[in-house]
Protein backbone atom coordinates (compact mmCIF):
# COMPACT_ATOMS: atom_id res chain seq x y z
CA MET A 1 23.94 5.11 0.06
CA SER A 2 26.71 4.41 2.46
CA ARG A 3 26.95 3.57 6.06
CA ARG A 4 27.87 6.36 8.63
CA PRO A 5 31.56 5.53 9.88
CA ASP A 6 30.62 6.36 13.26
CA ARG A 7 28.64 3.14 14.34
CA ARG A 8 28.21 -0.62 13.87
CA ASN A 9 26.30 -1.87 10.81
CA PRO A 10 22.81 -1.91 11.77
CA LEU A 11 22.39 -5.26 9.63
CA LEU A 12 24.91 -7.04 11.73
CA THR A 13 23.43 -6.15 14.92
CA LEU A 14 20.42 -7.87 13.38
CA GLY A 15 22.15 -10.92 13.31
CA ASP A 16 23.11 -10.63 17.05
CA LEU A 17 19.78 -9.90 17.50
CA GLY A 18 18.84 -13.24 16.13
CA GLN A 19 17.10 -12.08 13.07
CA SER A 20 18.47 -13.10 9.77
CA PRO A 21 18.50 -10.57 6.83
CA TRP A 22 18.01 -12.09 3.39
CA LEU A 23 18.17 -10.21 -0.13
CA ASP A 24 15.16 -10.34 -2.07
CA PHE A 25 16.61 -9.76 -5.29
CA THR A 26 19.23 -11.23 -7.64
CA THR A 27 20.87 -10.77 -11.06
CA ARG A 28 23.73 -12.42 -12.67
CA ASP A 29 26.02 -9.36 -12.28
CA LEU A 30 25.19 -8.83 -8.84
CA ILE A 31 26.70 -12.59 -7.99
CA ARG A 32 29.45 -12.07 -10.76
CA SER A 33 30.78 -8.60 -9.66
CA LYS A 34 31.10 -10.14 -6.15
CA ARG A 35 28.57 -7.74 -4.49
CA LEU A 36 26.69 -10.40 -3.36
CA HIS A 37 29.56 -11.78 -1.65
CA ARG A 38 30.48 -8.40 0.09
CA MET A 39 26.83 -8.18 1.15
CA ALA A 40 27.05 -11.38 2.85
CA GLU A 41 30.42 -10.47 4.43
CA GLU A 42 29.87 -6.90 5.47
CA ASP A 43 26.14 -6.74 6.20
CA GLY A 44 25.60 -9.91 7.50
CA VAL A 45 23.14 -11.06 4.67
CA ARG A 46 22.33 -14.84 5.34
CA GLY A 47 20.07 -15.90 2.37
CA LEU A 48 18.61 -14.82 -0.81
CA THR A 49 15.03 -15.18 -2.53
CA THR A 50 13.92 -14.87 -5.84
CA ASN A 51 10.72 -14.44 -7.76
CA PRO A 52 9.22 -14.14 -11.14
CA THR A 53 9.08 -10.51 -11.05
CA ILE A 54 12.74 -10.30 -9.86
CA PHE A 55 14.00 -12.40 -12.98
CA GLU A 56 11.75 -10.58 -15.36
CA LYS A 57 13.52 -7.10 -14.40
CA SER A 58 17.05 -8.81 -14.75
CA ILE A 59 16.17 -10.25 -18.01
CA ALA A 60 14.50 -7.05 -19.27
CA SER A 61 16.69 -4.34 -18.50
CA GLY A 62 20.02 -5.29 -19.75
CA SER A 63 21.95 -7.79 -22.16
CA ILE A 64 23.84 -9.78 -19.52
CA TYR A 65 21.55 -12.78 -20.54
CA ASP A 66 21.85 -12.26 -24.24
CA ALA A 67 24.36 -14.52 -25.33
CA ASP A 68 22.89 -17.58 -23.41
CA ILE A 69 19.24 -16.90 -24.48
CA ILE A 70 20.95 -16.71 -28.24
CA ALA A 71 22.85 -20.09 -27.69
CA LEU A 72 19.92 -21.71 -25.99
CA ALA A 73 17.23 -20.84 -28.56
CA GLU A 74 19.77 -21.88 -31.51
CA ALA A 75 20.19 -25.27 -29.97
CA GLY A 76 16.22 -25.69 -30.18
CA PHE A 77 15.08 -24.91 -26.81
CA ALA A 78 11.80 -23.80 -26.26
CA VAL A 79 11.01 -20.90 -23.88
CA ASP A 80 9.99 -22.57 -20.86
CA GLU A 81 13.15 -24.54 -21.06
CA ILE A 82 15.58 -21.39 -21.69
CA LEU A 83 13.67 -19.70 -18.76
CA GLU A 84 14.20 -22.48 -16.47
CA ARG A 85 17.84 -23.06 -17.74
CA LEU A 86 18.50 -19.37 -16.89
CA MET A 87 16.83 -19.30 -13.52
CA VAL A 88 18.42 -22.57 -12.23
CA ALA A 89 22.08 -21.32 -13.34
CA GLU A 90 21.55 -18.10 -11.66
CA VAL A 91 20.32 -19.89 -8.41
CA GLN A 92 23.12 -22.26 -8.71
CA GLU A 93 25.53 -19.65 -8.60
CA ALA A 94 23.77 -17.67 -5.56
CA CYS A 95 23.61 -21.00 -4.04
CA ASP A 96 27.73 -21.31 -4.18
CA VAL A 97 28.29 -17.75 -2.53
CA PHE A 98 26.42 -19.14 0.54
CA ALA A 99 27.52 -22.33 0.73
CA GLU A 100 30.12 -22.12 2.91
CA LEU A 101 28.05 -20.39 5.45
CA TYR A 102 25.30 -23.12 4.94
CA GLN A 103 28.16 -25.53 5.79
CA SER A 104 29.43 -23.32 8.81
CA SER A 105 25.94 -22.73 10.60
CA MET A 106 25.16 -26.34 10.03
CA GLY A 107 22.23 -25.60 7.40
CA GLN A 108 21.02 -22.95 9.93
CA HIS A 109 21.78 -20.11 7.46
CA GLY A 110 22.62 -19.68 3.48
CA PHE A 111 19.64 -20.60 1.53
CA VAL A 112 18.49 -19.48 -1.49
CA SER A 113 14.89 -19.75 -2.82
CA LEU A 114 13.54 -20.67 -6.24
CA GLU A 115 9.67 -20.71 -6.75
CA VAL A 116 7.97 -23.67 -8.22
CA SER A 117 5.42 -22.60 -10.97
CA PRO A 118 2.37 -20.51 -9.43
CA LEU A 119 0.23 -22.15 -12.25
CA LEU A 120 0.34 -25.39 -9.63
CA ALA A 121 -0.81 -23.34 -6.80
CA HIS A 122 -3.98 -25.59 -6.25
CA ASP A 123 -2.45 -28.68 -7.56
CA ALA A 124 -0.49 -30.46 -4.86
CA ALA A 125 0.58 -33.57 -6.89
CA SER A 126 1.99 -31.36 -9.49
CA THR A 127 3.69 -28.69 -7.49
CA VAL A 128 5.56 -32.08 -5.77
CA ARG A 129 6.74 -33.12 -9.21
CA HIS A 130 7.97 -29.73 -10.00
CA ALA A 131 9.71 -29.08 -6.78
CA ARG A 132 11.58 -32.60 -7.17
CA HIS A 133 12.48 -31.59 -10.39
CA LEU A 134 13.87 -28.22 -9.58
CA TRP A 135 15.61 -29.78 -6.55
CA GLU A 136 17.46 -31.98 -8.72
CA ALA A 137 18.19 -29.47 -11.26
CA VAL A 138 19.79 -27.18 -9.13
CA GLY A 139 21.78 -29.80 -7.20
CA ARG A 140 22.64 -27.57 -4.41
CA LYS A 141 22.01 -28.60 -0.91
CA ASN A 142 21.29 -25.03 0.38
CA LEU A 143 18.25 -24.51 -2.20
CA MET A 144 15.08 -23.98 -0.70
CA VAL A 145 12.27 -24.84 -3.20
CA LYS A 146 9.43 -21.87 -2.69
CA ILE A 147 6.18 -23.25 -2.51
CA PRO A 148 2.57 -21.45 -2.00
CA GLY A 149 0.85 -22.12 1.12
CA THR A 150 -2.48 -22.45 -0.13
CA LYS A 151 -4.94 -25.31 0.97
CA ALA A 152 -3.49 -27.54 -1.59
CA GLY A 153 0.05 -26.38 -1.32
CA LEU A 154 -0.06 -27.63 2.62
CA ALA A 155 -0.14 -31.09 1.08
CA ALA A 156 2.89 -30.68 -1.23
CA VAL A 157 5.00 -28.67 1.63
CA GLU A 158 4.50 -31.63 3.93
CA GLN A 159 5.51 -34.16 1.22
CA CYS A 160 8.48 -32.23 -0.19
CA LEU A 161 9.70 -31.78 3.71
CA THR A 162 9.52 -35.53 4.14
CA LEU A 163 11.61 -36.07 1.02
CA GLY A 164 14.01 -33.91 2.36
CA ILE A 165 13.64 -31.35 0.08
CA HIS A 166 13.84 -27.43 2.04
CA VAL A 167 10.99 -25.43 1.58
CA ASN A 168 10.11 -21.80 1.70
CA VAL A 169 6.19 -21.83 2.29
CA THR A 170 5.33 -18.33 0.53
CA LEU A 171 2.28 -16.37 0.20
CA LEU A 172 0.95 -16.33 3.97
CA PHE A 173 -1.34 -14.02 5.16
CA SER A 174 -3.48 -15.60 7.78
CA VAL A 175 -2.57 -16.80 11.18
CA GLN A 176 -4.45 -19.91 11.13
CA ARG A 177 -3.25 -20.91 7.69
CA TYR A 178 0.16 -20.29 9.54
CA ARG A 179 -0.45 -22.82 12.09
CA GLU A 180 -1.51 -25.17 9.48
CA VAL A 181 1.96 -24.46 7.86
CA SER A 182 3.53 -25.37 11.46
CA ASP A 183 1.64 -28.45 11.46
CA ALA A 184 2.69 -29.58 7.92
CA TYR A 185 6.24 -29.07 9.10
CA LEU A 186 5.80 -31.05 12.45
CA GLY A 187 3.80 -33.87 10.10
CA ALA A 188 6.87 -33.90 7.83
CA LEU A 189 9.48 -34.34 10.90
CA GLY A 190 7.21 -37.21 12.23
CA ALA A 191 7.09 -38.85 8.92
CA ARG A 192 10.64 -38.75 8.69
CA ARG A 193 11.61 -40.24 12.01
CA VAL A 194 8.88 -42.99 11.71
CA SER A 195 10.96 -43.88 8.67
CA GLY A 196 14.23 -43.64 10.37
CA LEU A 197 15.68 -40.31 8.42
CA PRO A 198 17.38 -37.87 9.96
CA LEU A 199 15.50 -34.56 10.88
CA ASP A 200 18.70 -32.44 11.40
CA TRP A 201 19.92 -30.02 8.35
CA LEU A 202 16.20 -29.83 6.93
CA GLY A 203 15.21 -26.49 6.75
CA SER A 204 11.89 -24.53 6.03
CA VAL A 205 10.71 -20.79 6.35
CA ALA A 206 7.27 -19.75 6.81
CA SER A 207 6.79 -16.54 4.53
CA PHE A 208 4.46 -14.18 6.23
CA PHE A 209 3.33 -11.28 4.06
CA VAL A 210 3.21 -7.93 5.73
CA SER A 211 2.54 -4.56 3.96
CA ARG A 212 -0.26 -5.95 1.84
CA VAL A 213 -2.50 -6.45 4.70
CA ASP A 214 -2.31 -2.81 5.54
CA THR A 215 -3.35 -1.68 1.98
CA LEU A 216 -6.38 -3.56 2.13
CA VAL A 217 -7.26 -3.05 5.65
CA ASP A 218 -6.56 0.66 5.45
CA ALA A 219 -8.84 1.05 2.58
CA LYS A 220 -11.60 -0.68 4.62
CA LEU A 221 -10.83 1.54 7.47
CA ASP A 222 -11.10 4.54 5.11
CA ALA A 223 -14.37 3.66 3.68
CA ILE A 224 -15.62 3.31 7.50
CA GLY A 225 -14.26 6.96 8.11
CA THR A 226 -15.05 7.26 11.87
CA PRO A 227 -12.64 8.61 14.31
CA GLU A 228 -12.13 4.97 15.82
CA ALA A 229 -11.12 3.70 12.31
CA LYS A 230 -8.70 6.40 11.57
CA THR A 231 -6.64 5.59 14.19
CA LEU A 232 -6.30 2.05 13.59
CA ARG A 233 -4.73 3.03 9.97
CA GLY A 234 -1.40 1.18 9.62
CA LYS A 235 -1.73 -0.99 12.39
CA ALA A 236 -3.14 -4.22 10.94
CA ALA A 237 -0.04 -5.52 9.03
CA ILE A 238 2.02 -5.60 12.53
CA ALA A 239 -0.75 -6.91 14.36
CA ASN A 240 -1.15 -9.79 12.28
CA ALA A 241 2.63 -10.54 12.03
CA ALA A 242 2.76 -10.26 15.82
CA LEU A 243 0.23 -12.97 16.08
CA ALA A 244 1.79 -15.38 13.84
CA TYR A 245 5.04 -14.64 15.73
CA GLU A 246 2.82 -15.77 18.96
CA ALA A 247 1.78 -19.02 17.39
CA TYR A 248 5.56 -19.77 16.47
CA LEU A 249 6.40 -19.37 19.84
CA ALA A 250 3.41 -21.60 21.24
CA MET A 251 4.63 -24.42 18.77
CA LEU A 252 8.02 -24.11 20.35
CA ALA A 253 6.81 -24.51 23.68
CA GLY A 254 5.03 -27.44 23.17
CA PRO A 255 5.63 -31.15 23.91
CA VAL A 256 5.71 -32.33 20.22
CA TRP A 257 8.47 -29.73 19.14
CA ALA A 258 10.48 -30.35 22.09
CA SER A 259 10.69 -34.34 21.02
CA TYR A 260 11.65 -33.27 17.68
CA ALA A 261 14.27 -30.65 18.70
CA ALA A 262 15.76 -33.21 20.56
CA ALA A 263 16.15 -35.38 17.95
CA GLY A 264 18.06 -32.31 16.09
CA ALA A 265 15.33 -30.90 14.31
CA ARG A 266 15.86 -27.11 13.20
CA ALA A 267 12.64 -25.08 13.87
CA GLN A 268 10.64 -23.51 10.96
CA ARG A 269 11.53 -19.72 11.42
CA PRO A 270 8.80 -16.94 10.33
CA LEU A 271 10.00 -15.05 7.60
CA TRP A 272 8.55 -11.50 7.09
CA ALA A 273 8.07 -10.96 3.22
CA SER A 274 7.01 -7.77 1.81
CA THR A 275 8.10 -5.33 4.38
CA SER A 276 8.96 -2.43 2.38
CA VAL A 277 5.72 0.14 2.99
CA LYS A 278 3.43 0.97 0.07
CA ASP A 279 2.52 4.43 1.50
CA PRO A 280 5.35 6.81 0.84
CA ALA A 281 4.29 9.01 3.80
CA ARG A 282 5.25 6.39 6.19
CA ASP A 283 8.59 5.32 7.61
CA PRO A 284 10.28 3.11 4.88
CA LEU A 285 11.75 0.94 7.79
CA GLU A 286 8.76 0.90 9.77
CA TYR A 287 7.84 -2.72 9.18
CA CYS A 288 11.57 -3.83 9.42
CA GLU A 289 11.85 -1.94 13.01
CA ALA A 290 8.55 -3.45 14.51
CA LEU A 291 9.17 -7.07 13.42
CA ILE A 292 12.54 -7.59 14.91
CA ALA A 293 12.78 -10.96 16.98
CA PRO A 294 14.88 -13.60 17.64
CA GLU A 295 14.61 -16.58 15.43
CA THR A 296 12.99 -14.81 12.36
CA VAL A 297 14.05 -13.72 8.76
CA ASN A 298 13.44 -10.58 6.95
CA THR A 299 13.68 -10.39 3.17
CA LEU A 300 15.07 -6.99 2.08
CA PRO A 301 15.02 -5.79 -1.36
CA PRO A 302 18.39 -3.72 -2.29
CA GLU A 303 16.94 -0.29 -1.56
CA THR A 304 15.63 -1.31 2.13
CA LEU A 305 18.67 -2.88 2.64
CA GLU A 306 20.35 0.34 2.11
CA ALA A 307 17.96 2.18 4.08
CA TYR A 308 18.50 -0.07 7.01
CA ARG A 309 22.27 0.13 6.73
CA GLU A 310 22.14 3.56 7.04
CA LYS A 311 19.41 4.44 9.33
CA GLY A 312 18.45 1.19 11.07
CA ASP A 313 18.02 1.26 15.03
CA PRO A 314 17.77 -2.55 15.62
CA LYS A 315 16.17 -3.32 18.94
CA VAL A 316 14.06 -6.34 19.56
CA ARG A 317 10.51 -4.82 19.37
CA LEU A 318 8.26 -7.93 18.70
CA ASP A 319 8.05 -8.97 22.35
CA ALA A 320 5.25 -9.80 24.72
CA ARG A 321 4.11 -6.06 24.92
CA ALA A 322 3.84 -5.70 21.05
CA ILE A 323 1.71 -9.12 21.04
CA ALA A 324 -0.47 -7.90 23.73
CA GLU A 325 -0.95 -4.75 21.67
CA ALA A 326 -1.60 -6.66 18.47
CA HIS A 327 -4.67 -8.74 20.15
CA ARG A 328 -5.95 -5.20 21.33
CA THR A 329 -5.92 -3.85 17.64
CA VAL A 330 -7.20 -7.09 16.06
CA ALA A 331 -10.07 -6.84 18.67
CA ALA A 332 -10.53 -3.17 17.58
CA LEU A 333 -10.72 -4.17 14.04
CA GLU A 334 -13.22 -6.90 14.67
CA GLY A 335 -15.33 -4.38 16.68
CA LEU A 336 -15.57 -2.51 13.21
CA GLY A 337 -16.53 -5.51 11.31
CA ILE A 338 -13.19 -6.09 10.05
CA SER A 339 -11.76 -9.59 10.04
CA LEU A 340 -8.20 -10.43 9.26
CA GLU A 341 -8.90 -13.92 8.49
CA GLU A 342 -11.09 -12.78 5.92
CA VAL A 343 -8.71 -10.24 4.45
CA ALA A 344 -6.13 -13.08 4.49
CA THR A 345 -8.33 -15.33 2.14
CA GLU A 346 -8.75 -11.90 -0.06
CA LEU A 347 -5.11 -11.31 -0.10
CA GLU A 348 -4.34 -15.04 -0.69
CA GLN A 349 -6.71 -15.18 -3.88
CA GLU A 350 -4.97 -11.88 -5.26
CA GLY A 351 -1.53 -13.18 -4.33
CA VAL A 352 -1.93 -16.33 -6.49
CA ARG A 353 -3.34 -14.23 -9.21
CA LYS A 354 -0.22 -11.69 -9.05
CA PHE A 355 2.04 -14.84 -9.00
CA VAL A 356 0.67 -16.17 -12.12
CA GLU A 357 0.76 -12.75 -13.79
CA SER A 358 4.36 -12.36 -13.15
CA TRP A 359 5.26 -15.70 -14.36
CA LYS A 360 3.47 -15.14 -17.57
CA SER A 361 4.70 -11.99 -17.95
CA LEU A 362 8.32 -13.23 -17.27
CA ARG A 363 7.45 -15.74 -20.27
CA THR A 364 6.41 -13.09 -22.59
CA VAL A 365 9.66 -10.84 -21.84
CA LEU A 366 11.60 -13.91 -22.59
CA GLU A 367 9.63 -15.01 -25.65
CA ARG A 368 10.21 -11.19 -26.99
CA LYS A 369 13.58 -11.01 -26.27
CA ALA A 370 14.42 -14.35 -27.89
CA SER A 371 12.64 -12.95 -31.18
CA VAL A 372 14.35 -9.80 -30.88
CA LEU A 373 17.82 -11.28 -30.46
CA ALA A 374 16.91 -14.19 -33.43
CA THR A 375 16.51 -11.11 -36.02
CA ARG A 376 19.90 -9.49 -34.90
CA ALA A 377 21.97 -12.91 -35.28
C-alpha cells in the first residue's frame, strides 16, 4: 500500500501536531534492508518498540537468524543466553538507526524499547537487576527498558529512572495506576535532584493499552443487552485513554512538575499501545484518529502504519470536548455496574499472563529451532 501522491504523508502531519509515531515491530531484515531508515525519513517514525511476540515471529518465520543461532549453540550458549544475545544485537542495530534523531532532538525522540523478563513482573528487586543488565548489555543511550506497570513494577520503575535508565512503563489500563506511574517518575526526578544528578535527557513513556479495554467492556455490555448498553459499545477504550490524558495534563499544570521542568526535565509522555482495532467491523484507524494529541506517542504495527499513511486524517481530537465526553461515558458505564478500574485490574492480570506466555513461547520456538538446526549441521 502506497500513499496517494496528491497529499502530504499524514504520518508526518502527526509529528507536526505533536504526536510521535513509533513502529511496533522489528526484524533484522527491516533494519539491514534500510526500510527502517526510510520509515524514519519518509514517515516520520520517531521510535520503535519490541516485545517477545514480535521476536518470536521474527525468529520462527525465516532463516535470517539461523547462522547466529548455530554459532551461539556451538559456542556452548544455553537457549536463554542465545535469546538474549539475538535480542540485544537487534535492539543495538535499531538504536543505531535512531541515534542521530536522539541526539538532534536532545533525547526527546529516537528511543527503542526492550522488555525485561515478564516472569519478574511481581518482583521489583529482580526487575531492577534485569533492567540494569539489559541497559549495560545494549550499551546505547537511546535504549528504553520496558517494565510492566504492576504494583511491584512501580518501585522498579522509580529506582531504574533514579539510576538514569530510560523506562517505558508498559501494560497500563487503569487511570489510577497511570497516576501512580506519573508519581513514580516525579519521585525519581526528585531523588536525582537531591543527589545532584541531571534531570535533562532522562526519558520515559507510560504505555496505556487501548483496544483490550473495549474487547472486555463490550462483552460485558452485550451480556447486559439493554438499549443503553448497546449505545456504549466501542466507547470505553477511548474514554479511558482520554481520562489518562487528562491526568497527564493535570500533572503538567502542577507546581511540582513546574520546578522539575525549570531544571530541564522532560515530561513522561503517554504512549497509546494496542491501537489496532480487534473488531473487523470497525474502522481500523478509529483509535489512532481519536487519540491524536500533543506530547503523546502512538505505537503502530506495520499494517496500521501503512493504513495511516494511505488513509489517515490527522487532527487533534483528544481535546477538552473529548475529555468531557469521556467523563459522560464512564458515568454511563458505572450506571450499568461496569467499573473501568475493575476492568483494568482484570486486564492487567490477563496481560501479565499473556506476556509470560509470549516469553515462554519465544523461548520454546528458539529451543526447537536450535535443535532442528543442530541436526542439519
